[in-house]
Amino acid sequence: MRRFCSVLLCLSFLLGMVSCSTTNASEPSVEDKYVIGFSQVGSESDWRLANTKSMTSTFAGDDEYELVIENARQIQENQFSAVRKFILEGVDFIIIAPTVEEGWQNVLTEVRDANIPVILLDRSVAVDDDSLYLTNIGSDFSKQGKLAIDWLEKESEFQKNRHPDEDHTVQILHLQGTIGATAQIQRTKALEDAINTHSEWEMVGQLYGDFTEAKAYEVMTDYLKTNKNIDVIYSENDNMTFGAMRALDEAGITYGTNGQVKIITFDATREALQYCLDGKISLCVECNPMFGPSVKELIEKYRRGESIPKHVYVDETAYTTYELTQDIVDGREY
């Protein structure tokens, strides 16, 4: 690894030693492990915990690698500090799950100047030069949004045909995740674009849930004190959905197959899939967090000098009660 590179470089000027700058940028020294610094955005959701577990279990027990994780606790400045720490330690590779897209130009330039390759994980960054990172592995959030909208269009048409004499204005309440995160941006865009093209769909509110159950419960509880006319909740992750469901229960509002409110949720964790199988959640859009093996494969391709695509999407789908079985739910890894 190169973690002591900067220290040795300083000593070389003082003592006339040979500078360590001749160390190969992509290969560790013979006696050391290949060190990977991972700036994880936080531990705010079940999805995030599963993502971290996938990374740690992939590299655990492999004598060739050392994975160093820094938890940013959803604060971008913490990520900047972690990345700069990795640079000073001279890690061989850096992985970043960005808190939000904006603000990464300077720190990624510093990483490039240090000749350390970067993989972006889960979320994207808004930079002038995409050569600042090697590749971006994660979900196609636009596709996820389309899966949700396609289902809602079919469901709306079904209800219209089933009850032709009723008012079919669809009252949609939107629970948003961390503002500026790639998942939030693209899932929100899918819904907002669809509402602009469906005159019978109405956005009755957008609540900020920050991808956490506690925050979603708080804002939903407050909202339901004065507003209970909701047909659909479009929730940008499962944990916010769980908070919303608790608030609905306390307000005496039914949801699911035979309820007042249809719930669309993103992530498709085991708990959410069970609620979907039980008829309480109408649609679970999958967001697969198990990136570890794919990340390791990309790193090894890089070390072998092989070509790497600029963006790698993981396979994902969507589930309703009718596609699910108990075996599918029980077999979910997260």
Protein backbone atom coordinates (compact mmCIF):
# COMPACT_ATOMS: atom_id res chain seq x y z
CA MET A 1 0.00 0.00 0.00
CA ARG A 2 0.91 3.65 -0.24
CA ARG A 3 -0.39 4.87 3.13
CA PHE A 4 3.08 5.93 4.37
CA CYS A 5 4.07 7.46 1.04
CA SER A 6 3.69 11.09 2.09
CA VAL A 7 5.73 10.52 5.27
CA LEU A 8 8.55 8.83 3.39
CA LEU A 9 8.52 11.56 0.78
CA CYS A 10 9.16 14.18 3.44
CA LEU A 11 11.97 12.11 4.93
CA SER A 12 13.56 11.77 1.53
CA PHE A 13 14.06 15.54 1.34
CA LEU A 14 15.47 15.64 4.85
CA LEU A 15 17.68 12.57 4.76
CA GLY A 16 18.43 12.19 1.09
CA MET A 17 16.42 9.01 0.88
CA VAL A 18 14.89 7.82 -2.38
CA SER A 19 11.43 9.28 -2.83
CA CYS A 20 8.50 6.87 -2.64
CA SER A 21 6.85 8.59 -5.60
CA THR A 22 8.14 5.80 -7.83
CA THR A 23 5.65 3.38 -6.26
CA ASN A 24 3.22 1.99 -8.84
CA ALA A 25 -0.11 3.81 -8.54
CA SER A 26 -2.25 0.69 -8.82
CA GLU A 27 -0.18 -2.00 -7.11
CA PRO A 28 0.73 -2.31 -3.42
CA SER A 29 4.25 -3.05 -2.30
CA VAL A 30 5.11 -6.74 -1.93
CA GLU A 31 4.87 -6.84 1.85
CA ASP A 32 1.65 -4.80 2.18
CA LYS A 33 -2.02 -5.24 1.43
CA TYR A 34 -3.88 -3.32 -1.26
CA VAL A 35 -5.66 -0.69 0.85
CA ILE A 36 -9.11 0.58 -0.14
CA GLY A 37 -10.54 3.65 1.56
CA PHE A 38 -14.34 3.69 1.55
CA SER A 39 -16.26 6.86 2.41
CA GLN A 40 -19.76 5.60 3.19
CA VAL A 41 -22.48 8.23 3.31
CA GLY A 42 -23.93 6.93 6.58
CA SER A 43 -26.08 4.29 8.25
CA GLU A 44 -29.43 6.00 7.83
CA SER A 45 -31.42 3.07 6.44
CA ASP A 46 -31.66 -0.71 6.21
CA TRP A 47 -30.49 -0.37 2.61
CA ARG A 48 -27.34 1.47 3.67
CA LEU A 49 -26.54 -1.09 6.36
CA ALA A 50 -26.90 -3.89 3.82
CA ASN A 51 -24.66 -2.02 1.39
CA THR A 52 -21.93 -1.64 4.01
CA LYS A 53 -22.29 -5.30 4.99
CA SER A 54 -21.90 -6.36 1.35
CA MET A 55 -18.69 -4.37 1.07
CA THR A 56 -17.18 -5.62 4.33
CA SER A 57 -18.09 -9.27 3.75
CA THR A 58 -16.65 -9.16 0.22
CA PHE A 59 -13.20 -8.08 1.37
CA ALA A 60 -13.17 -9.76 4.80
CA GLY A 61 -10.76 -12.67 5.02
CA ASP A 62 -8.97 -11.74 1.79
CA ASP A 63 -5.33 -11.40 2.78
CA GLU A 64 -4.62 -9.32 -0.30
CA TYR A 65 -6.97 -6.46 0.62
CA GLU A 66 -7.65 -4.10 3.51
CA LEU A 67 -10.93 -2.15 3.50
CA VAL A 68 -11.00 1.00 5.63
CA ILE A 69 -14.48 2.48 6.11
CA GLU A 70 -15.29 6.01 7.24
CA ASN A 71 -18.96 6.69 8.12
CA ALA A 72 -19.88 10.26 7.11
CA ARG A 73 -23.16 10.25 9.07
CA GLN A 74 -24.84 11.94 6.08
CA ILE A 75 -22.60 15.02 6.31
CA GLN A 76 -20.71 15.94 3.15
CA GLU A 77 -17.90 17.73 5.00
CA ASN A 78 -17.20 14.49 6.85
CA GLN A 79 -16.76 12.82 3.48
CA PHE A 80 -14.33 15.47 2.31
CA SER A 81 -12.29 14.97 5.49
CA ALA A 82 -12.32 11.20 5.05
CA VAL A 83 -11.17 11.38 1.43
CA ARG A 84 -8.35 13.79 2.31
CA LYS A 85 -7.35 11.47 5.12
CA PHE A 86 -7.18 8.61 2.64
CA ILE A 87 -4.95 10.72 0.41
CA LEU A 88 -2.56 11.50 3.27
CA GLU A 89 -2.45 7.84 4.26
CA GLY A 90 -1.62 6.89 0.69
CA VAL A 91 -4.34 4.30 0.14
CA ASP A 92 -4.30 2.43 -3.15
CA PHE A 93 -7.95 2.99 -4.06
CA ILE A 94 -10.84 5.18 -2.93
CA ILE A 95 -14.56 4.38 -3.02
CA ILE A 96 -17.11 7.12 -2.37
CA ALA A 97 -20.86 6.87 -1.82
CA PRO A 98 -21.59 10.62 -2.18
CA THR A 99 -23.99 12.31 0.20
CA VAL A 100 -25.20 14.66 -2.55
CA GLU A 101 -24.11 15.29 -6.14
CA GLU A 102 -22.81 18.86 -5.88
CA GLY A 103 -19.56 20.05 -4.35
CA TRP A 104 -17.11 17.31 -5.36
CA GLN A 105 -14.96 19.07 -7.96
CA ASN A 106 -12.12 20.18 -5.67
CA VAL A 107 -11.70 17.08 -3.55
CA LEU A 108 -11.84 14.74 -6.54
CA THR A 109 -9.23 16.88 -8.25
CA GLU A 110 -7.03 16.40 -5.18
CA VAL A 111 -7.52 12.64 -5.44
CA ARG A 112 -6.57 12.67 -9.12
CA ASP A 113 -3.48 14.73 -8.36
CA ALA A 114 -2.52 12.07 -5.82
CA ASN A 115 -2.86 9.47 -8.61
CA ILE A 116 -5.46 7.40 -6.71
CA PRO A 117 -8.31 5.82 -8.70
CA VAL A 118 -11.89 6.40 -7.53
CA ILE A 119 -15.10 4.41 -7.82
CA LEU A 120 -18.38 6.18 -7.10
CA LEU A 121 -20.84 3.91 -5.33
CA ASP A 122 -24.64 4.13 -5.41
CA ARG A 123 -24.87 7.87 -6.13
CA SER A 124 -23.35 10.21 -8.72
CA VAL A 125 -21.48 13.51 -8.58
CA ALA A 126 -21.86 16.70 -10.61
CA VAL A 127 -18.36 17.57 -11.86
CA ASP A 128 -16.98 19.28 -14.96
CA ASP A 129 -14.71 16.37 -15.84
CA ASP A 130 -15.84 12.76 -15.45
CA SER A 131 -12.23 11.59 -15.73
CA LEU A 132 -12.00 12.55 -12.04
CA TYR A 133 -13.43 9.12 -11.26
CA LEU A 134 -12.87 5.72 -12.79
CA THR A 135 -16.45 4.46 -12.86
CA ASN A 136 -19.83 4.76 -11.16
CA ILE A 137 -21.58 1.60 -9.97
CA GLY A 138 -25.14 1.66 -8.76
CA SER A 139 -28.81 1.74 -9.61
CA ASP A 140 -30.56 3.24 -12.59
CA PHE A 141 -32.75 5.57 -10.53
CA SER A 142 -34.51 6.93 -13.61
CA LYS A 143 -35.55 3.39 -14.51
CA GLN A 144 -36.74 2.84 -10.94
CA GLY A 145 -38.92 5.94 -11.21
CA LYS A 146 -40.31 4.74 -14.53
CA LEU A 147 -41.22 1.36 -13.02
CA ALA A 148 -43.17 3.17 -10.30
CA ILE A 149 -44.94 5.51 -12.73
CA ASP A 150 -45.80 2.68 -15.15
CA TRP A 151 -47.47 0.80 -12.30
CA LEU A 152 -49.37 3.88 -11.11
CA GLU A 153 -50.64 4.55 -14.64
CA LYS A 154 -51.95 0.99 -14.92
CA GLU A 155 -53.47 1.10 -11.45
CA SER A 156 -55.17 4.44 -12.16
CA GLU A 157 -56.61 3.12 -15.42
CA PHE A 158 -57.82 -0.04 -13.67
CA GLN A 159 -59.64 1.97 -11.00
CA LYS A 160 -61.17 4.25 -13.64
CA ASN A 161 -62.55 1.29 -15.59
CA ARG A 162 -63.74 -0.42 -12.43
CA HIS A 163 -65.59 2.65 -11.11
CA PRO A 164 -66.44 4.77 -14.18
CA ASP A 165 -68.90 7.03 -12.32
CA GLU A 166 -66.45 8.14 -9.62
CA ASP A 167 -64.07 11.09 -9.52
CA HIS A 168 -60.66 9.78 -10.57
CA THR A 169 -58.41 12.60 -9.47
CA VAL A 170 -55.40 10.87 -7.86
CA GLN A 171 -54.14 12.68 -4.75
CA ILE A 172 -50.41 11.91 -4.44
CA LEU A 173 -48.31 12.63 -1.36
CA HIS A 174 -44.58 12.59 -2.01
CA LEU A 175 -42.01 11.62 0.65
CA GLN A 176 -38.58 12.81 -0.48
CA GLY A 177 -35.16 11.53 0.55
CA THR A 178 -32.00 13.55 1.10
CA ILE A 179 -32.29 16.56 -1.20
CA GLY A 180 -29.52 16.58 -3.78
CA ALA A 181 -28.78 12.84 -3.60
CA THR A 182 -28.93 11.08 -6.97
CA ALA A 183 -31.74 8.75 -5.86
CA GLN A 184 -33.82 11.70 -4.68
CA ILE A 185 -33.20 13.76 -7.81
CA GLN A 186 -34.15 11.07 -10.30
CA ARG A 187 -37.02 9.47 -8.37
CA THR A 188 -38.48 12.93 -7.81
CA LYS A 189 -38.07 13.86 -11.47
CA ALA A 190 -39.94 10.73 -12.57
CA LEU A 191 -42.92 11.66 -10.42
CA GLU A 192 -42.94 15.37 -11.22
CA ASP A 193 -42.66 14.71 -14.97
CA ALA A 194 -45.54 12.24 -14.79
CA ILE A 195 -47.79 14.64 -12.88
CA ASN A 196 -47.16 17.29 -15.54
CA THR A 197 -48.50 14.90 -18.19
CA HIS A 198 -51.46 13.47 -16.22
CA SER A 199 -54.16 16.07 -15.67
CA GLU A 200 -55.98 13.74 -13.26
CA TRP A 201 -52.94 13.41 -10.95
CA GLU A 202 -52.43 16.00 -8.23
CA MET A 203 -49.42 16.46 -5.96
CA VAL A 204 -51.00 17.29 -2.60
CA GLY A 205 -47.69 17.66 -0.81
CA GLN A 206 -43.95 17.01 -0.80
CA LEU A 207 -42.54 16.13 2.61
CA TYR A 208 -38.84 15.92 3.47
CA GLY A 209 -38.05 12.57 5.10
CA ASP A 210 -34.24 12.47 4.66
CA PHE A 211 -34.38 8.70 3.92
CA THR A 212 -35.02 7.97 7.63
CA GLU A 213 -37.96 6.36 9.40
CA ALA A 214 -37.95 8.83 12.28
CA LYS A 215 -38.07 11.93 10.08
CA ALA A 216 -40.78 10.48 7.85
CA TYR A 217 -42.90 9.57 10.86
CA GLU A 218 -42.48 13.10 12.20
CA VAL A 219 -43.47 14.91 9.00
CA MET A 220 -46.30 12.48 8.20
CA THR A 221 -47.77 12.79 11.67
CA ASP A 222 -47.76 16.55 11.38
CA TYR A 223 -49.22 16.50 7.86
CA LEU A 224 -52.08 14.16 8.77
CA LYS A 225 -53.28 16.49 11.51
CA THR A 226 -54.84 18.71 8.84
CA ASN A 227 -54.70 16.71 5.59
CA LYS A 228 -56.08 13.19 5.21
CA ASN A 229 -57.21 13.18 1.59
CA ILE A 230 -54.51 10.94 0.12
CA ASP A 231 -54.81 8.24 -2.53
CA VAL A 232 -51.12 7.41 -3.10
CA ILE A 233 -47.93 7.80 -1.10
CA TYR A 234 -44.82 7.87 -3.28
CA SER A 235 -42.02 7.21 -0.78
CA GLU A 236 -38.41 7.35 -1.95
CA ASN A 237 -37.20 4.59 0.37
CA ASP A 238 -38.49 1.81 2.62
CA ASN A 239 -37.50 3.33 5.92
CA MET A 240 -39.50 6.48 5.20
CA THR A 241 -42.36 4.19 4.20
CA PHE A 242 -42.25 2.43 7.56
CA GLY A 243 -42.44 5.79 9.33
CA ALA A 244 -45.35 6.84 7.13
CA MET A 245 -47.21 3.59 7.82
CA ARG A 246 -46.89 4.12 11.55
CA ALA A 247 -48.28 7.65 11.18
CA LEU A 248 -51.17 6.35 9.06
CA ASP A 249 -51.97 3.71 11.67
CA GLU A 250 -52.11 6.31 14.42
CA ALA A 251 -54.32 8.55 12.29
CA GLY A 252 -56.73 5.68 11.58
CA ILE A 253 -56.10 5.74 7.83
CA THR A 254 -56.11 2.38 6.03
CA TYR A 255 -53.67 1.46 3.29
CA GLY A 256 -52.82 -1.40 0.99
CA THR A 257 -55.00 -3.72 -1.09
CA ASN A 258 -58.33 -2.76 0.47
CA GLY A 259 -57.32 0.52 2.05
CA GLN A 260 -57.69 4.19 1.28
CA VAL A 261 -54.02 4.74 0.42
CA LYS A 262 -51.82 2.91 -2.08
CA ILE A 263 -48.14 2.94 -1.12
CA ILE A 264 -45.24 2.96 -3.59
CA THR A 265 -41.85 2.42 -1.98
CA PHE A 266 -38.26 2.10 -3.18
CA ASP A 267 -35.57 -0.37 -1.99
CA ALA A 268 -37.53 -3.64 -1.60
CA THR A 269 -35.88 -4.74 1.62
CA ARG A 270 -37.10 -7.97 3.19
CA GLU A 271 -39.39 -6.13 5.61
CA ALA A 272 -40.97 -4.06 2.83
CA LEU A 273 -41.45 -7.15 0.66
CA GLN A 274 -43.21 -8.88 3.54
CA TYR A 275 -45.58 -5.91 3.88
CA CYS A 276 -46.13 -6.09 0.12
CA LEU A 277 -46.86 -9.82 0.23
CA ASP A 278 -49.28 -9.17 3.08
CA GLY A 279 -51.10 -6.56 0.97
CA LYS A 280 -50.07 -3.47 2.97
CA ILE A 281 -47.65 -2.00 0.42
CA SER A 282 -48.85 -1.83 -3.17
CA LEU A 283 -45.52 -1.63 -5.03
CA CYS A 284 -41.91 -2.28 -4.03
CA VAL A 285 -39.36 -0.97 -6.52
CA GLU A 286 -36.09 -2.81 -6.05
CA CYS A 287 -32.84 -0.98 -5.29
CA ASN A 288 -30.11 -3.58 -4.91
CA PRO A 289 -27.42 -2.68 -2.32
CA MET A 290 -25.26 -5.78 -2.74
CA PHE A 291 -22.46 -4.12 -4.69
CA GLY A 292 -19.49 -5.69 -2.92
CA PRO A 293 -18.61 -8.50 -5.36
CA SER A 294 -19.06 -6.20 -8.38
CA VAL A 295 -16.85 -3.52 -6.82
CA LYS A 296 -14.11 -6.05 -6.14
CA GLU A 297 -14.34 -7.31 -9.71
CA LEU A 298 -13.98 -3.74 -11.04
CA ILE A 299 -10.93 -3.12 -8.85
CA GLU A 300 -9.29 -6.31 -10.03
CA LYS A 301 -9.99 -5.41 -13.66
CA TYR A 302 -8.34 -2.05 -13.06
CA ARG A 303 -5.30 -3.70 -11.53
CA ARG A 304 -5.01 -5.98 -14.56
CA GLY A 305 -5.19 -2.96 -16.87
CA GLU A 306 -8.51 -4.00 -18.41
CA SER A 307 -11.11 -1.61 -19.80
CA ILE A 308 -13.84 -0.52 -17.39
CA PRO A 309 -17.23 0.97 -18.40
CA LYS A 310 -17.97 4.48 -17.13
CA HIS A 311 -21.20 3.38 -15.51
CA VAL A 312 -22.22 -0.04 -14.21
CA TYR A 313 -25.89 -0.61 -13.40
CA VAL A 314 -27.08 -3.42 -11.14
CA ASP A 315 -30.06 -5.58 -12.11
CA GLU A 316 -33.35 -4.56 -10.47
CA THR A 317 -37.10 -5.06 -10.81
CA ALA A 318 -40.39 -4.18 -9.08
CA TYR A 319 -42.83 -6.28 -7.05
CA THR A 320 -46.52 -6.26 -6.26
CA THR A 321 -48.37 -8.72 -4.05
CA TYR A 322 -49.08 -10.84 -7.11
CA GLU A 323 -45.42 -11.38 -8.09
CA LEU A 324 -44.25 -12.22 -4.59
CA THR A 325 -44.03 -15.51 -2.72
CA GLN A 326 -42.88 -16.20 0.82
CA ASP A 327 -39.81 -17.92 -0.61
CA ILE A 328 -38.81 -14.72 -2.43
CA VAL A 329 -39.25 -12.69 0.75
CA ASP A 330 -37.36 -15.15 2.95
CA GLY A 331 -34.56 -15.40 0.41
CA ARG A 332 -33.91 -11.65 0.40
CA GLU A 333 -30.37 -10.91 1.61
CA TYR A 334 -31.23 -7.52 3.05
